[in-house]
């Protein structure tokens, strides 16, 4: 079994900062891309940021310059530093990873975390 466990969501005032973290655990053999998506009620799930195993990053247009994604390959952890938060950043944030486990390696499957709520007050 593979799990993604998220932490770090919460309530913050506009202009403030939060850091989200996500760790992959279980029968993990290798992890390819790791990233964060967000979904507000009634909306589709959108890309926030993604980082490859070699450290290449890509960001959603609305977070560029404010959010920074990073990862620790040794710990199978991805983090999202969110600065200058706006009320429109309010959403449930989901961790995503492409993971090859002991049964599927070298093929990787998509895994999702349970979601963590980020609320930005104006």
N, C-alpha and C. Protein backbone atom coordinates (compact mmCIF):
# COMPACT_ATOMS: atom_id res chain seq x y z
N UNK A 1 0.83 -1.20 0.00
CA UNK A 1 0.00 0.00 0.00
C UNK A 1 0.87 1.25 0.00
N UNK A 2 0.44 2.22 -0.75
CA UNK A 2 1.11 3.51 -0.79
C UNK A 2 0.14 4.58 -0.32
N UNK A 3 0.62 5.49 0.48
CA UNK A 3 -0.21 6.60 0.97
C UNK A 3 0.50 7.92 0.78
N UNK A 4 -0.28 8.95 0.52
CA UNK A 4 0.21 10.33 0.54
C UNK A 4 -0.47 11.03 1.71
N UNK A 5 0.34 11.54 2.61
CA UNK A 5 -0.20 12.20 3.79
C UNK A 5 0.19 13.67 3.75
N UNK A 6 -0.82 14.53 3.81
CA UNK A 6 -0.61 15.98 3.71
C UNK A 6 -0.71 16.63 5.07
N UNK A 7 -0.09 17.79 5.17
CA UNK A 7 -0.20 18.59 6.39
C UNK A 7 0.04 20.05 6.04
N UNK A 8 -0.39 20.93 6.94
CA UNK A 8 -0.03 22.33 6.81
C UNK A 8 -1.13 23.29 6.39
N UNK A 9 -2.31 22.79 6.09
CA UNK A 9 -3.37 23.71 5.72
C UNK A 9 -3.86 24.51 6.92
N UNK A 10 -4.76 25.46 6.68
CA UNK A 10 -5.30 26.24 7.77
C UNK A 10 -5.88 27.55 7.31
N UNK A 11 -6.10 28.43 8.27
CA UNK A 11 -6.69 29.75 8.03
C UNK A 11 -5.61 30.81 8.15
N UNK A 12 -5.57 31.71 7.18
CA UNK A 12 -4.57 32.77 7.20
C UNK A 12 -5.19 34.03 6.61
N UNK A 13 -4.70 35.17 7.02
CA UNK A 13 -5.18 36.43 6.46
C UNK A 13 -4.54 36.70 5.11
N UNK A 14 -5.21 37.47 4.31
CA UNK A 14 -4.66 37.86 3.01
C UNK A 14 -3.30 38.51 3.19
N UNK A 15 -2.36 38.12 2.34
CA UNK A 15 -1.00 38.61 2.44
C UNK A 15 -0.09 37.71 3.26
N UNK A 16 -0.69 36.76 3.95
CA UNK A 16 0.08 35.86 4.80
C UNK A 16 0.67 34.69 4.04
N UNK A 17 1.27 33.77 4.79
CA UNK A 17 1.97 32.64 4.20
C UNK A 17 1.56 31.34 4.89
N UNK A 18 1.63 30.26 4.13
CA UNK A 18 1.43 28.91 4.65
C UNK A 18 2.37 27.97 3.90
N UNK A 19 2.73 26.89 4.56
CA UNK A 19 3.53 25.85 3.91
C UNK A 19 2.79 24.53 4.01
N UNK A 20 2.58 23.90 2.88
CA UNK A 20 2.00 22.57 2.83
C UNK A 20 3.10 21.53 2.64
N UNK A 21 2.91 20.36 3.22
CA UNK A 21 3.87 19.27 3.04
C UNK A 21 3.11 17.99 2.76
N UNK A 22 3.75 17.11 2.02
CA UNK A 22 3.14 15.82 1.65
C UNK A 22 4.24 14.77 1.60
N UNK A 23 3.99 13.64 2.24
CA UNK A 23 4.97 12.55 2.27
C UNK A 23 4.36 11.28 1.73
N UNK A 24 5.09 10.64 0.85
CA UNK A 24 4.68 9.33 0.34
C UNK A 24 5.28 8.24 1.22
N UNK A 25 4.43 7.31 1.63
CA UNK A 25 4.91 6.24 2.49
C UNK A 25 4.33 4.91 2.02
N UNK A 26 4.88 3.83 2.57
CA UNK A 26 4.44 2.50 2.19
C UNK A 26 5.45 1.84 1.28
N UNK A 27 4.97 1.02 0.36
CA UNK A 27 5.86 0.22 -0.49
C UNK A 27 6.32 1.01 -1.71
N UNK A 28 6.95 2.15 -1.44
CA UNK A 28 7.41 3.04 -2.51
C UNK A 28 8.77 2.58 -3.02
N UNK A 29 8.86 2.40 -4.33
CA UNK A 29 10.15 2.07 -4.94
C UNK A 29 10.76 3.32 -5.56
N UNK A 30 9.96 4.05 -6.32
CA UNK A 30 10.46 5.28 -6.93
C UNK A 30 9.30 6.25 -7.11
N UNK A 31 9.63 7.53 -7.12
CA UNK A 31 8.63 8.59 -7.27
C UNK A 31 9.02 9.47 -8.43
N UNK A 32 8.15 9.64 -9.38
CA UNK A 32 8.42 10.52 -10.51
C UNK A 32 7.94 11.93 -10.15
N UNK A 33 7.03 12.50 -10.92
CA UNK A 33 6.53 13.84 -10.61
C UNK A 33 5.76 13.86 -9.30
N UNK A 34 5.92 14.94 -8.55
CA UNK A 34 5.11 15.22 -7.38
C UNK A 34 4.55 16.63 -7.54
N UNK A 35 3.36 16.84 -7.02
CA UNK A 35 2.80 18.17 -7.21
C UNK A 35 1.59 18.44 -6.34
N UNK A 36 1.05 19.63 -6.55
CA UNK A 36 -0.13 20.08 -5.80
C UNK A 36 -1.18 20.58 -6.79
N UNK A 37 -2.40 20.22 -6.50
CA UNK A 37 -3.56 20.69 -7.24
C UNK A 37 -4.53 21.29 -6.23
N UNK A 38 -5.47 22.08 -6.73
CA UNK A 38 -6.47 22.61 -5.82
C UNK A 38 -7.84 22.57 -6.49
N UNK A 39 -8.84 22.45 -5.63
CA UNK A 39 -10.21 22.36 -6.13
C UNK A 39 -11.15 23.03 -5.15
N UNK A 40 -11.85 24.05 -5.62
CA UNK A 40 -12.87 24.71 -4.83
C UNK A 40 -14.24 24.09 -5.17
N UNK A 41 -15.21 24.17 -4.29
CA UNK A 41 -16.53 23.57 -4.56
C UNK A 41 -17.11 24.06 -5.89
N UNK A 42 -17.54 23.12 -6.70
CA UNK A 42 -18.14 23.45 -7.99
C UNK A 42 -17.15 23.71 -9.10
N UNK A 43 -15.86 23.66 -8.78
CA UNK A 43 -14.83 23.94 -9.79
C UNK A 43 -14.06 22.67 -10.13
N UNK A 44 -13.34 22.72 -11.23
CA UNK A 44 -12.48 21.59 -11.58
C UNK A 44 -11.20 21.65 -10.76
N UNK A 45 -10.49 20.52 -10.74
CA UNK A 45 -9.22 20.47 -10.03
C UNK A 45 -8.14 21.04 -10.95
N UNK A 46 -7.43 22.05 -10.46
CA UNK A 46 -6.44 22.76 -11.26
C UNK A 46 -5.03 22.53 -10.73
N UNK A 47 -4.08 22.57 -11.64
CA UNK A 47 -2.68 22.47 -11.26
C UNK A 47 -2.24 23.72 -10.50
N UNK A 48 -1.55 23.48 -9.38
CA UNK A 48 -0.91 24.58 -8.65
C UNK A 48 0.58 24.59 -9.00
N UNK A 49 1.23 23.46 -8.79
CA UNK A 49 2.65 23.35 -9.08
C UNK A 49 3.04 21.88 -9.15
N UNK A 50 4.05 21.59 -9.95
CA UNK A 50 4.55 20.23 -10.08
C UNK A 50 6.08 20.29 -10.16
N UNK A 51 6.71 19.24 -9.63
CA UNK A 51 8.17 19.17 -9.66
C UNK A 51 8.58 17.74 -10.03
N UNK A 52 9.52 17.64 -10.95
CA UNK A 52 10.00 16.33 -11.37
C UNK A 52 11.03 15.80 -10.39
N UNK A 53 11.42 14.55 -10.58
CA UNK A 53 12.42 13.95 -9.69
C UNK A 53 13.77 14.64 -9.84
N UNK A 54 14.00 15.29 -10.98
CA UNK A 54 15.26 16.01 -11.19
C UNK A 54 15.18 17.46 -10.77
N UNK A 55 13.99 17.91 -10.32
CA UNK A 55 13.86 19.25 -9.80
C UNK A 55 13.27 20.27 -10.76
N UNK A 56 12.85 19.86 -11.94
CA UNK A 56 12.21 20.80 -12.86
C UNK A 56 10.81 21.12 -12.36
N UNK A 57 10.44 22.39 -12.43
CA UNK A 57 9.17 22.84 -11.88
C UNK A 57 8.27 23.47 -12.93
N UNK A 58 6.99 23.43 -12.64
CA UNK A 58 6.00 24.10 -13.47
C UNK A 58 4.89 24.60 -12.55
N UNK A 59 4.40 25.81 -12.82
CA UNK A 59 3.41 26.43 -11.94
C UNK A 59 2.17 26.85 -12.70
N UNK A 60 1.04 26.84 -12.00
CA UNK A 60 -0.15 27.43 -12.56
C UNK A 60 0.05 28.94 -12.68
N UNK A 61 -0.58 29.53 -13.69
CA UNK A 61 -0.32 30.94 -13.97
C UNK A 61 -0.67 31.85 -12.80
N UNK A 62 -1.69 31.49 -12.04
CA UNK A 62 -2.17 32.36 -10.99
C UNK A 62 -1.33 32.28 -9.71
N UNK A 63 -0.31 31.42 -9.66
CA UNK A 63 0.51 31.32 -8.45
C UNK A 63 1.98 31.63 -8.72
N UNK A 64 2.33 31.83 -10.00
CA UNK A 64 3.72 32.12 -10.32
C UNK A 64 4.21 33.35 -9.58
N UNK A 65 5.38 33.22 -9.00
CA UNK A 65 5.98 34.33 -8.27
C UNK A 65 5.56 34.41 -6.81
N UNK A 66 4.51 33.66 -6.45
CA UNK A 66 4.04 33.68 -5.06
C UNK A 66 4.27 32.34 -4.36
N UNK A 67 4.17 31.25 -5.09
CA UNK A 67 4.31 29.91 -4.51
C UNK A 67 5.62 29.28 -4.98
N UNK A 68 6.20 28.46 -4.13
CA UNK A 68 7.42 27.73 -4.48
C UNK A 68 7.28 26.28 -4.07
N UNK A 69 7.51 25.40 -5.03
CA UNK A 69 7.45 23.96 -4.75
C UNK A 69 8.87 23.42 -4.62
N UNK A 70 9.03 22.47 -3.71
CA UNK A 70 10.33 21.83 -3.52
C UNK A 70 10.10 20.39 -3.09
N UNK A 71 11.13 19.59 -3.16
CA UNK A 71 10.99 18.18 -2.74
C UNK A 71 12.30 17.67 -2.13
N UNK A 72 12.13 16.65 -1.33
CA UNK A 72 13.26 15.94 -0.73
C UNK A 72 13.13 14.50 -1.20
N UNK A 73 13.93 14.12 -2.18
CA UNK A 73 13.81 12.78 -2.75
C UNK A 73 14.14 11.69 -1.73
N UNK A 74 15.05 11.95 -0.84
CA UNK A 74 15.43 10.94 0.15
C UNK A 74 14.27 10.64 1.10
N UNK A 75 13.39 11.63 1.31
CA UNK A 75 12.27 11.46 2.24
C UNK A 75 10.94 11.31 1.50
N UNK A 76 10.96 11.31 0.18
CA UNK A 76 9.73 11.22 -0.62
C UNK A 76 8.73 12.28 -0.20
N UNK A 77 9.21 13.48 -0.01
CA UNK A 77 8.39 14.58 0.48
C UNK A 77 8.38 15.73 -0.52
N UNK A 78 7.21 16.33 -0.69
CA UNK A 78 7.08 17.54 -1.49
C UNK A 78 6.46 18.62 -0.63
N UNK A 79 6.94 19.84 -0.80
CA UNK A 79 6.44 20.97 -0.01
C UNK A 79 6.01 22.09 -0.93
N UNK A 80 5.08 22.89 -0.44
CA UNK A 80 4.61 24.04 -1.20
C UNK A 80 4.62 25.25 -0.26
N UNK A 81 5.50 26.18 -0.53
CA UNK A 81 5.56 27.42 0.23
C UNK A 81 4.66 28.43 -0.47
N UNK A 82 3.66 28.91 0.24
CA UNK A 82 2.69 29.84 -0.35
C UNK A 82 2.81 31.19 0.33
N UNK A 83 3.18 32.20 -0.43
CA UNK A 83 3.34 33.57 0.08
C UNK A 83 2.33 34.49 -0.59
N UNK A 84 2.14 35.64 0.01
CA UNK A 84 1.23 36.65 -0.54
C UNK A 84 -0.12 36.05 -0.89
N UNK A 85 -0.66 35.30 0.04
CA UNK A 85 -1.91 34.59 -0.22
C UNK A 85 -3.07 35.56 -0.41
N UNK A 86 -3.98 35.17 -1.31
CA UNK A 86 -5.14 35.98 -1.65
C UNK A 86 -6.41 35.19 -1.31
N UNK A 87 -7.52 35.87 -1.08
CA UNK A 87 -8.77 35.15 -0.81
C UNK A 87 -9.11 34.15 -1.91
N UNK A 88 -8.77 34.45 -3.14
CA UNK A 88 -9.08 33.52 -4.23
C UNK A 88 -8.21 32.26 -4.21
N UNK A 89 -7.21 32.21 -3.34
CA UNK A 89 -6.42 30.98 -3.16
C UNK A 89 -7.14 30.00 -2.24
N UNK A 90 -8.25 30.43 -1.65
CA UNK A 90 -9.02 29.54 -0.78
C UNK A 90 -9.50 28.33 -1.56
N UNK A 91 -9.16 27.14 -1.07
CA UNK A 91 -9.49 25.91 -1.78
C UNK A 91 -9.04 24.71 -0.97
N UNK A 92 -9.41 23.53 -1.42
CA UNK A 92 -8.83 22.30 -0.90
C UNK A 92 -7.63 21.95 -1.78
N UNK A 93 -6.50 21.75 -1.16
CA UNK A 93 -5.26 21.47 -1.88
C UNK A 93 -4.96 19.97 -1.76
N UNK A 94 -4.68 19.37 -2.91
CA UNK A 94 -4.42 17.93 -2.99
C UNK A 94 -3.00 17.68 -3.46
N UNK A 95 -2.34 16.79 -2.76
CA UNK A 95 -1.02 16.32 -3.17
C UNK A 95 -1.20 15.20 -4.21
N UNK A 96 -0.34 15.21 -5.19
CA UNK A 96 -0.35 14.17 -6.23
C UNK A 96 1.07 13.67 -6.46
N UNK A 97 1.19 12.38 -6.73
CA UNK A 97 2.50 11.82 -7.05
C UNK A 97 2.35 10.63 -7.98
N UNK A 98 3.34 10.48 -8.84
CA UNK A 98 3.42 9.30 -9.70
C UNK A 98 4.42 8.35 -9.04
N UNK A 99 3.92 7.22 -8.57
CA UNK A 99 4.72 6.32 -7.73
C UNK A 99 4.73 4.91 -8.30
N UNK A 100 5.95 4.35 -8.35
CA UNK A 100 6.09 2.94 -8.67
C UNK A 100 6.27 2.20 -7.36
N UNK A 101 5.38 1.27 -7.09
CA UNK A 101 5.52 0.50 -5.85
C UNK A 101 6.11 -0.86 -6.15
N UNK A 102 6.20 -1.70 -5.15
CA UNK A 102 6.89 -2.98 -5.30
C UNK A 102 6.19 -3.90 -6.29
N UNK A 103 4.89 -3.71 -6.47
CA UNK A 103 4.15 -4.56 -7.39
C UNK A 103 4.21 -4.04 -8.82
N UNK A 104 4.26 -2.75 -9.00
CA UNK A 104 4.11 -2.18 -10.34
C UNK A 104 5.42 -1.72 -10.97
N UNK A 105 6.48 -1.59 -10.18
CA UNK A 105 7.75 -1.08 -10.71
C UNK A 105 8.18 -1.88 -11.93
N UNK A 106 8.65 -1.20 -13.03
CA UNK A 106 8.95 0.22 -13.12
C UNK A 106 7.77 1.11 -13.47
N UNK A 107 6.60 0.50 -13.72
CA UNK A 107 5.45 1.33 -14.06
C UNK A 107 4.98 2.13 -12.83
N UNK A 108 4.59 3.37 -13.06
CA UNK A 108 4.12 4.23 -11.98
C UNK A 108 2.62 4.47 -12.09
N UNK A 109 2.00 4.63 -10.95
CA UNK A 109 0.56 4.93 -10.89
C UNK A 109 0.36 6.28 -10.23
N UNK A 110 -0.82 6.85 -10.47
CA UNK A 110 -1.16 8.14 -9.86
C UNK A 110 -1.74 7.93 -8.47
N UNK A 111 -1.23 8.69 -7.51
CA UNK A 111 -1.75 8.66 -6.15
C UNK A 111 -2.12 10.08 -5.73
N UNK A 112 -3.17 10.16 -4.90
CA UNK A 112 -3.66 11.45 -4.40
C UNK A 112 -3.74 11.42 -2.88
N UNK A 113 -3.45 12.57 -2.29
CA UNK A 113 -3.66 12.73 -0.87
C UNK A 113 -5.14 12.99 -0.57
N UNK A 114 -5.45 13.08 0.70
CA UNK A 114 -6.85 13.24 1.11
C UNK A 114 -7.33 14.69 0.99
N UNK A 115 -6.42 15.61 0.79
CA UNK A 115 -6.77 17.02 0.67
C UNK A 115 -6.60 17.76 1.99
N UNK A 116 -6.15 18.99 1.89
CA UNK A 116 -6.01 19.85 3.06
C UNK A 116 -6.60 21.22 2.71
N UNK A 117 -7.38 21.75 3.63
CA UNK A 117 -8.09 23.00 3.37
C UNK A 117 -7.20 24.21 3.65
N UNK A 118 -7.20 25.12 2.70
CA UNK A 118 -6.53 26.42 2.87
C UNK A 118 -7.60 27.50 2.73
N UNK A 119 -7.74 28.32 3.75
CA UNK A 119 -8.71 29.40 3.73
C UNK A 119 -7.98 30.72 3.96
N UNK A 120 -8.19 31.66 3.05
CA UNK A 120 -7.56 32.98 3.14
C UNK A 120 -8.65 34.02 3.35
N UNK A 121 -8.58 34.69 4.47
CA UNK A 121 -9.59 35.70 4.78
C UNK A 121 -9.15 37.08 4.29
N UNK A 122 -10.13 37.87 3.91
CA UNK A 122 -9.81 39.21 3.38
C UNK A 122 -9.76 40.25 4.48
